[in-house]
């Protein structure tokens, strides 16, 4: 595909997304209908679509409209490319620009004042983040880096980096956590690389790696990963210490790949159906469903699909999970509440409300990360159940 044809494809996909289709579904639908597109074409089109969604409002201002065509015009203007070289109307390129389109669009200065967040959410964002609200919103417009977690049960950091390099995957170590590797080249080769297939490394963002590394673990501890999903946190904890981990999720199908991933990693995880959780765990980890506002660089269409009603529903779910998970913690045990959100309503306010309802729990630690210091936005509150507090 030519660069112009890729722009045309991105316009088609963006129009579907702006019409209500989830970005991943729109991309998959286009790929299935476009067998002529190679892997490089699909990756390039995906990058164009996600870049446009990260910066939807500012690109709409620059492009003079809110459809896919205007967003791509705004993106080309942002990149200081000549739109007439892409909008030619020949071959598979988009139709030539009209005079109205050439005259459309606001200034770059005005566009840079926009946070590229939903208008209704902006006051909450400002209240949660304060003076860094706009810079952090702008940081969310950049593409997120890819991170790997080295599994010390399978390989040392140096051995993993060497094997990755041999597979064409370049990495650098994180200053805050040596077992965390940021991928600087070859990210699309990871899934088929030997270090990944053999369980030497796992894909996991830096901030949840830091959160898991900060949790206190004692040999033989009984740990419950209460909202396990794919099980990344369970595997991260098992890589650190010889512990017993049970993984639970309200939708067990999300854990379907976990047994195989655990086998590759050289550890064992017990999968628990909802009715057989038991109790008295030393540590319960609850990475709850949330807005995902800390990960919107990776799933940019999610921020435009979130509504106030949707956020309120998530807050209610988080509150219920906290109450349910707290009953599974032994006296003197720990409850780790996690979100990948930057909004205080999902973070500190939830913990304050929970300790008000459940005074037997005392918060002993709180940490948060943002794209400025931890790649994805992430929140961790660690609470202890007081002895005799049931």
Protein backbone atom coordinates (compact mmCIF):
# COMPACT_ATOMS: atom_id res chain seq x y z
CA UNK A 1 0.00 0.00 0.00
CA UNK A 2 1.15 3.53 -0.72
CA UNK A 3 1.22 6.10 2.11
CA UNK A 4 -1.85 7.72 0.55
CA UNK A 5 -3.71 4.39 0.47
CA UNK A 6 -2.90 3.88 4.14
CA UNK A 7 -4.39 7.29 4.90
CA UNK A 8 -7.52 6.33 2.98
CA UNK A 9 -7.81 3.11 4.97
CA UNK A 10 -7.38 5.01 8.23
CA UNK A 11 -10.17 7.39 7.20
CA UNK A 12 -12.50 4.46 6.54
CA UNK A 13 -11.73 2.86 9.91
CA UNK A 14 -11.96 6.13 11.83
CA UNK A 15 -15.41 6.81 10.39
CA UNK A 16 -16.54 3.44 11.74
CA UNK A 17 -15.01 4.13 15.16
CA UNK A 18 -16.52 7.61 15.33
CA UNK A 19 -19.84 5.98 14.47
CA UNK A 20 -19.66 3.78 17.57
CA UNK A 21 -17.62 0.71 16.59
CA UNK A 22 -14.79 -0.22 18.96
CA UNK A 23 -11.40 0.49 17.43
CA UNK A 24 -10.14 -3.10 17.61
CA UNK A 25 -13.30 -4.42 15.97
CA UNK A 26 -13.07 -1.81 13.21
CA UNK A 27 -9.41 -2.64 12.56
CA UNK A 28 -10.07 -6.38 12.48
CA UNK A 29 -13.00 -5.89 10.10
CA UNK A 30 -10.90 -3.80 7.74
CA UNK A 31 -8.00 -6.28 7.83
CA UNK A 32 -10.29 -9.22 6.99
CA UNK A 33 -11.76 -7.31 4.07
CA UNK A 34 -8.34 -6.15 2.85
CA UNK A 35 -6.36 -9.30 2.18
CA UNK A 36 -4.03 -7.30 -0.05
CA UNK A 37 -2.66 -5.46 3.01
CA UNK A 38 0.56 -6.94 4.36
CA UNK A 39 1.60 -6.99 8.00
CA UNK A 40 3.53 -3.74 7.57
CA UNK A 41 0.47 -2.08 6.02
CA UNK A 42 -1.79 -3.27 8.83
CA UNK A 43 0.63 -1.99 11.46
CA UNK A 44 0.98 1.38 9.73
CA UNK A 45 -2.78 1.83 9.38
CA UNK A 46 -3.27 0.86 13.02
CA UNK A 47 -0.72 3.47 14.08
CA UNK A 48 -2.52 6.16 12.07
CA UNK A 49 -5.90 5.27 13.60
CA UNK A 50 -4.63 5.19 17.17
CA UNK A 51 -2.66 8.42 16.74
CA UNK A 52 -5.80 10.14 15.47
CA UNK A 53 -7.88 8.84 18.39
CA UNK A 54 -5.32 9.91 20.98
CA UNK A 55 -5.55 13.46 19.66
CA UNK A 56 -9.12 13.51 18.38
CA UNK A 57 -10.15 16.99 19.50
CA UNK A 58 -6.94 18.81 18.63
CA UNK A 59 -6.75 17.11 15.22
CA UNK A 60 -10.40 17.95 14.60
CA UNK A 61 -9.59 21.60 15.22
CA UNK A 62 -6.60 21.47 12.87
CA UNK A 63 -8.50 19.53 10.22
CA UNK A 64 -11.72 21.51 10.41
CA UNK A 65 -14.10 18.66 11.25
CA UNK A 66 -14.80 15.51 13.26
CA UNK A 67 -14.90 12.82 10.61
CA UNK A 68 -12.05 10.52 9.64
CA UNK A 69 -11.06 12.66 6.69
CA UNK A 70 -10.69 15.81 8.84
CA UNK A 71 -8.76 13.94 11.53
CA UNK A 72 -6.25 12.64 9.01
CA UNK A 73 -5.95 16.09 7.49
CA UNK A 74 -5.24 17.46 10.97
CA UNK A 75 -2.67 14.75 11.60
CA UNK A 76 -0.83 15.52 8.36
CA UNK A 77 -0.79 19.19 9.27
CA UNK A 78 0.57 18.32 12.72
CA UNK A 79 3.36 16.32 11.09
CA UNK A 80 4.04 19.24 8.72
CA UNK A 81 3.37 16.97 5.75
CA UNK A 82 1.85 18.27 2.53
CA UNK A 83 -1.79 17.03 2.51
CA UNK A 84 -2.01 17.44 -1.27
CA UNK A 85 0.53 14.66 -1.65
CA UNK A 86 -1.88 12.26 0.11
CA UNK A 87 -5.30 13.58 -0.92
CA UNK A 88 -4.76 13.12 -4.66
CA UNK A 89 -7.89 11.25 -5.73
CA UNK A 90 -5.81 8.85 -7.81
CA UNK A 91 -5.47 5.12 -7.29
CA UNK A 92 -6.46 4.20 -3.74
CA UNK A 93 -5.73 7.66 -2.31
CA UNK A 94 -8.44 9.81 -0.68
CA UNK A 95 -10.30 12.27 -2.89
CA UNK A 96 -8.51 15.54 -3.56
CA UNK A 97 -9.00 18.32 -1.03
CA UNK A 98 -11.66 20.90 -1.70
CA UNK A 99 -10.93 24.60 -1.42
CA UNK A 100 -13.06 24.65 1.71
CA UNK A 101 -10.90 21.94 3.27
CA UNK A 102 -7.72 23.78 2.34
CA UNK A 103 -9.02 26.89 4.11
CA UNK A 104 -10.32 25.01 7.15
CA UNK A 105 -8.72 24.39 10.50
CA UNK A 106 -7.60 26.31 13.57
CA UNK A 107 -4.15 27.24 14.73
CA UNK A 108 -1.57 24.91 16.24
CA UNK A 109 -1.48 27.16 19.31
CA UNK A 110 -5.21 26.75 19.87
CA UNK A 111 -4.98 23.00 19.34
CA UNK A 112 -2.24 22.71 21.93
CA UNK A 113 -4.52 24.18 24.58
CA UNK A 114 -6.95 21.27 24.23
CA UNK A 115 -6.49 18.31 26.62
CA UNK A 116 -7.87 15.73 24.18
CA UNK A 117 -10.15 14.37 26.87
CA UNK A 118 -13.96 14.26 27.06
CA UNK A 119 -15.32 17.66 28.10
CA UNK A 120 -17.41 16.20 30.92
CA UNK A 121 -14.34 14.47 32.40
CA UNK A 122 -11.95 17.43 32.31
CA UNK A 123 -13.03 18.91 35.70
CA UNK A 124 -12.54 15.52 37.38
CA UNK A 125 -9.15 15.16 35.72
CA UNK A 126 -8.07 18.60 36.94
CA UNK A 127 -9.31 17.94 40.46
CA UNK A 128 -7.44 14.62 40.57
CA UNK A 129 -4.14 15.81 39.11
CA UNK A 130 -3.92 19.52 39.87
CA UNK A 131 -1.33 21.73 38.19
CA UNK A 132 0.00 18.89 36.04
CA UNK A 133 -3.44 18.23 34.54
CA UNK A 134 -2.78 19.62 31.06
CA UNK A 135 0.82 18.36 30.68
CA UNK A 136 -0.28 14.91 31.80
CA UNK A 137 -3.23 14.98 29.41
CA UNK A 138 -0.78 15.84 26.64
CA UNK A 139 1.52 13.01 27.74
CA UNK A 140 -1.42 10.69 27.11
CA UNK A 141 -1.39 11.74 23.45
CA UNK A 142 1.94 10.00 22.80
CA UNK A 143 2.29 6.34 21.91
CA UNK A 144 2.93 4.16 24.96
CA UNK A 145 6.20 2.21 25.17
CA UNK A 146 6.25 -1.58 25.30
CA UNK A 147 7.59 -3.17 28.50
CA UNK A 148 8.69 -6.69 29.34
CA UNK A 149 9.08 -8.35 32.74
CA UNK A 150 12.02 -10.73 33.11
CA UNK A 151 11.12 -13.96 34.91
CA UNK A 152 14.09 -14.72 37.23
CA UNK A 153 12.93 -18.32 37.56
CA UNK A 154 13.83 -18.83 33.90
CA UNK A 155 16.65 -16.41 33.11
CA UNK A 156 18.78 -13.59 34.42
CA UNK A 157 18.23 -10.09 33.13
CA UNK A 158 21.48 -10.18 31.16
CA UNK A 159 20.66 -13.56 29.59
CA UNK A 160 17.15 -12.41 28.69
CA UNK A 161 18.41 -9.21 27.09
CA UNK A 162 21.02 -11.12 25.10
CA UNK A 163 18.47 -13.63 23.83
CA UNK A 164 16.04 -10.87 22.94
CA UNK A 165 18.76 -9.01 21.05
CA UNK A 166 19.53 -12.15 19.08
CA UNK A 167 15.85 -12.21 18.10
CA UNK A 168 16.07 -8.61 16.91
CA UNK A 169 14.47 -7.09 20.02
CA UNK A 170 16.44 -4.29 21.67
CA UNK A 171 15.77 -3.33 25.29
CA UNK A 172 16.94 -1.07 28.10
CA UNK A 173 16.59 -1.70 31.82
CA UNK A 174 14.34 0.47 33.97
CA UNK A 175 16.22 2.45 36.60
CA UNK A 176 13.56 1.74 39.20
CA UNK A 177 13.32 -2.01 38.54
CA UNK A 178 16.09 -3.94 36.74
CA UNK A 179 13.77 -6.84 35.82
CA UNK A 180 11.64 -4.39 33.81
CA UNK A 181 12.83 -3.91 30.23
CA UNK A 182 11.62 -1.19 27.89
CA UNK A 183 11.58 -2.34 24.28
CA UNK A 184 13.31 0.15 21.99
CA UNK A 185 13.24 -1.85 18.74
CA UNK A 186 11.63 -4.99 17.37
CA UNK A 187 8.46 -4.96 19.46
CA UNK A 188 6.43 -6.81 16.83
CA UNK A 189 8.86 -9.74 17.03
CA UNK A 190 8.18 -10.42 20.72
CA UNK A 191 5.32 -12.91 20.45
CA UNK A 192 7.29 -15.24 18.17
CA UNK A 193 10.62 -14.89 19.95
CA UNK A 194 12.16 -17.78 21.88
CA UNK A 195 12.58 -15.82 25.16
CA UNK A 196 8.84 -15.10 25.14
CA UNK A 197 7.80 -18.64 24.13
CA UNK A 198 10.07 -20.15 26.80
CA UNK A 199 8.73 -17.96 29.60
CA UNK A 200 11.86 -15.88 30.09
CA UNK A 201 9.88 -12.67 29.63
CA UNK A 202 6.25 -11.56 29.83
CA UNK A 203 4.57 -8.47 28.41
CA UNK A 204 3.64 -6.20 31.32
CA UNK A 205 3.68 -2.44 31.67
CA UNK A 206 6.15 -0.82 34.05
CA UNK A 207 3.67 0.55 36.60
CA UNK A 208 1.98 -2.78 37.48
CA UNK A 209 5.44 -4.33 37.62
CA UNK A 210 6.44 -1.69 40.17
CA UNK A 211 3.23 -2.23 42.11
CA UNK A 212 3.72 -6.02 42.26
CA UNK A 213 7.37 -5.61 43.24
CA UNK A 214 6.37 -3.41 46.18
CA UNK A 215 3.98 -5.93 47.76
CA UNK A 216 5.37 -7.75 50.82
CA UNK A 217 5.60 -11.51 50.30
CA UNK A 218 6.66 -14.25 52.71
CA UNK A 219 7.62 -17.75 51.62
CA UNK A 220 4.59 -20.02 51.65
CA UNK A 221 2.09 -17.16 51.80
CA UNK A 222 -1.44 -17.79 50.53
CA UNK A 223 -2.26 -15.17 47.91
CA UNK A 224 -5.47 -14.53 46.01
CA UNK A 225 -5.46 -12.63 42.72
CA UNK A 226 -9.11 -11.66 42.96
CA UNK A 227 -9.65 -9.92 39.59
CA UNK A 228 -7.04 -11.95 37.76
CA UNK A 229 -7.93 -11.34 34.12
CA UNK A 230 -5.06 -12.81 32.12
CA UNK A 231 -3.07 -13.43 35.31
CA UNK A 232 -0.13 -11.08 34.78
CA UNK A 233 0.03 -10.04 38.42
CA UNK A 234 -0.24 -13.60 39.66
CA UNK A 235 2.75 -14.55 37.50
CA UNK A 236 4.69 -11.49 38.61
CA UNK A 237 4.22 -12.38 42.28
CA UNK A 238 5.10 -16.04 41.70
CA UNK A 239 8.32 -14.99 39.99
CA UNK A 240 9.44 -13.31 43.23
CA UNK A 241 8.77 -15.90 45.93
CA UNK A 242 7.61 -19.47 46.59
CA UNK A 243 3.98 -18.77 47.41
CA UNK A 244 0.56 -20.35 46.84
CA UNK A 245 -1.48 -18.30 44.38
CA UNK A 246 -5.13 -18.71 43.56
CA UNK A 247 -6.47 -16.77 40.57
CA UNK A 248 -10.12 -15.77 40.42
CA UNK A 249 -12.13 -13.75 37.92
CA UNK A 250 -15.84 -13.08 37.62
CA UNK A 251 -15.46 -14.09 33.96
CA UNK A 252 -13.35 -17.28 34.16
CA UNK A 253 -12.77 -17.32 30.39
CA UNK A 254 -10.39 -14.40 30.85
CA UNK A 255 -8.05 -16.83 32.62
CA UNK A 256 -8.12 -19.41 29.82
CA UNK A 257 -4.47 -18.86 28.83
CA UNK A 258 -3.15 -18.63 32.39
CA UNK A 259 -2.32 -22.34 32.91
CA UNK A 260 -0.17 -22.37 29.76
CA UNK A 261 1.50 -19.08 30.68
CA UNK A 262 2.23 -20.43 34.16
CA UNK A 263 3.72 -23.60 32.67
CA UNK A 264 6.03 -21.51 30.48
CA UNK A 265 7.01 -19.46 33.49
CA UNK A 266 7.80 -22.53 35.60
CA UNK A 267 5.18 -21.87 38.28
CA UNK A 268 1.77 -23.18 39.34
CA UNK A 269 -1.46 -21.23 39.71
CA UNK A 270 -4.72 -22.58 41.06
CA UNK A 271 -7.76 -21.39 39.13
CA UNK A 272 -10.79 -20.86 41.32
CA UNK A 273 -14.41 -20.76 40.14
CA UNK A 274 -16.52 -18.13 41.90
CA UNK A 275 -18.15 -20.52 44.38
CA UNK A 276 -14.92 -22.07 45.70
CA UNK A 277 -12.77 -19.18 46.85
CA UNK A 278 -12.33 -20.14 50.47
CA UNK A 279 -10.85 -17.45 52.69
CA UNK A 280 -8.17 -16.43 55.18
CA UNK A 281 -5.63 -15.33 52.58
CA UNK A 282 -2.42 -13.62 53.65
CA UNK A 283 -2.73 -11.24 50.69
CA UNK A 284 -5.67 -10.47 48.43
CA UNK A 285 -4.86 -8.47 45.30
CA UNK A 286 -7.83 -6.69 43.74
CA UNK A 287 -6.95 -4.97 40.45
CA UNK A 288 -10.50 -3.80 39.90
CA UNK A 289 -12.39 -2.89 36.71
CA UNK A 290 -11.89 0.82 36.12
CA UNK A 291 -12.02 3.61 33.57
CA UNK A 292 -8.54 2.67 32.37
CA UNK A 293 -7.69 6.37 32.24
CA UNK A 294 -4.05 5.56 32.95
CA UNK A 295 -3.87 3.35 29.86
CA UNK A 296 -5.65 5.55 27.32
CA UNK A 297 -2.47 5.85 25.27
CA UNK A 298 -2.97 2.15 24.45
CA UNK A 299 -6.76 2.16 24.09
CA UNK A 300 -7.53 5.74 23.02
CA UNK A 301 -11.05 5.06 21.80
CA UNK A 302 -11.98 4.01 25.36
CA UNK A 303 -11.74 7.57 26.65
CA UNK A 304 -14.25 8.79 24.09
CA UNK A 305 -16.65 5.93 24.83
CA UNK A 306 -16.63 6.49 28.60
CA UNK A 307 -19.67 8.33 29.97
CA UNK A 308 -20.54 9.77 33.36
CA UNK A 309 -23.09 7.00 33.83
CA UNK A 310 -20.46 4.44 32.87
CA UNK A 311 -17.98 5.85 35.36
CA UNK A 312 -20.61 5.88 38.12
CA UNK A 313 -21.35 2.23 37.39
CA UNK A 314 -17.64 1.40 37.64
CA UNK A 315 -17.42 3.19 40.99
CA UNK A 316 -20.25 1.04 42.34
CA UNK A 317 -18.56 -2.14 41.08
CA UNK A 318 -15.24 -1.13 42.66
CA UNK A 319 -16.91 -0.47 45.99
CA UNK A 320 -18.63 -3.86 45.94
CA UNK A 321 -15.40 -5.67 45.02
CA UNK A 322 -13.58 -4.01 47.90
CA UNK A 323 -16.24 -5.21 50.32
CA UNK A 324 -16.31 -8.72 48.87
CA UNK A 325 -12.52 -9.10 48.72
CA UNK A 326 -12.05 -7.77 52.25
CA UNK A 327 -13.93 -10.75 53.66
CA UNK A 328 -11.30 -13.10 52.26
CA UNK A 329 -8.37 -11.55 54.13
CA UNK A 330 -7.20 -13.22 57.35
CA UNK A 331 -6.73 -11.29 60.55
CA UNK A 332 -3.46 -9.41 60.15
CA UNK A 333 -3.51 -10.05 56.41
CA UNK A 334 -3.23 -7.56 53.56
CA UNK A 335 -5.57 -6.23 50.91
CA UNK A 336 -3.98 -4.58 47.85
CA UNK A 337 -6.40 -2.38 45.90
CA UNK A 338 -5.22 -1.49 42.40
CA UNK A 339 -6.53 0.45 39.42
CA UNK A 340 -5.03 1.59 36.13
CA UNK A 341 -6.75 4.95 36.63
CA UNK A 342 -5.59 8.49 37.34
CA UNK A 343 -8.96 9.63 38.70
CA UNK A 344 -9.21 10.16 42.44
CA UNK A 345 -12.84 9.02 42.47
CA UNK A 346 -11.58 5.52 41.60
CA UNK A 347 -8.52 5.70 43.82
CA UNK A 348 -8.16 7.69 47.04
CA UNK A 349 -11.87 8.41 47.40
CA UNK A 350 -12.69 4.70 47.12
CA UNK A 351 -10.19 3.87 49.85
CA UNK A 352 -11.49 6.60 52.16
CA UNK A 353 -15.05 5.36 51.69
CA UNK A 354 -13.98 1.74 52.23
CA UNK A 355 -12.11 2.37 55.49
CA UNK A 356 -15.13 4.36 56.64
CA UNK A 357 -17.31 1.29 56.06
CA UNK A 358 -14.71 -1.22 57.21
CA UNK A 359 -12.77 0.35 60.10
CA UNK A 360 -11.01 -2.95 60.81
CA UNK A 361 -8.85 -2.18 57.76
CA UNK A 362 -6.07 0.40 58.06
CA UNK A 363 -4.28 1.86 55.05
CA UNK A 364 -0.54 1.35 55.45
CA UNK A 365 0.78 2.40 52.05
CA UNK A 366 -0.33 4.31 48.97
CA UNK A 367 1.49 4.75 45.68
CA UNK A 368 0.56 6.12 42.29
CA UNK A 369 2.32 6.26 38.95
CA UNK A 370 1.67 8.25 35.79
CA UNK A 371 2.98 8.14 32.22
CA UNK A 372 5.59 10.63 33.37
CA UNK A 373 7.21 8.21 35.84
CA UNK A 374 5.69 4.76 35.38
CA UNK A 375 4.59 4.38 31.76
CA UNK A 376 0.89 3.74 32.44
CA UNK A 377 -1.10 5.49 35.12
CA UNK A 378 -1.60 3.16 38.09
CA UNK A 379 -2.76 3.29 41.71
CA UNK A 380 -2.02 1.01 44.66
CA UNK A 381 -3.38 1.18 48.19
CA UNK A 382 -2.22 -1.46 50.67
CA UNK A 383 -4.42 -2.09 53.69
CA UNK A 384 -4.04 -4.37 56.71
CA UNK A 385 -6.85 -6.09 58.57
CA UNK A 386 -6.44 -5.56 62.27
CA UNK A 387 -6.18 -8.69 64.39
CA UNK A 388 -9.61 -9.70 65.69
CA UNK A 389 -11.25 -7.29 63.25
CA UNK A 390 -13.81 -9.64 61.72
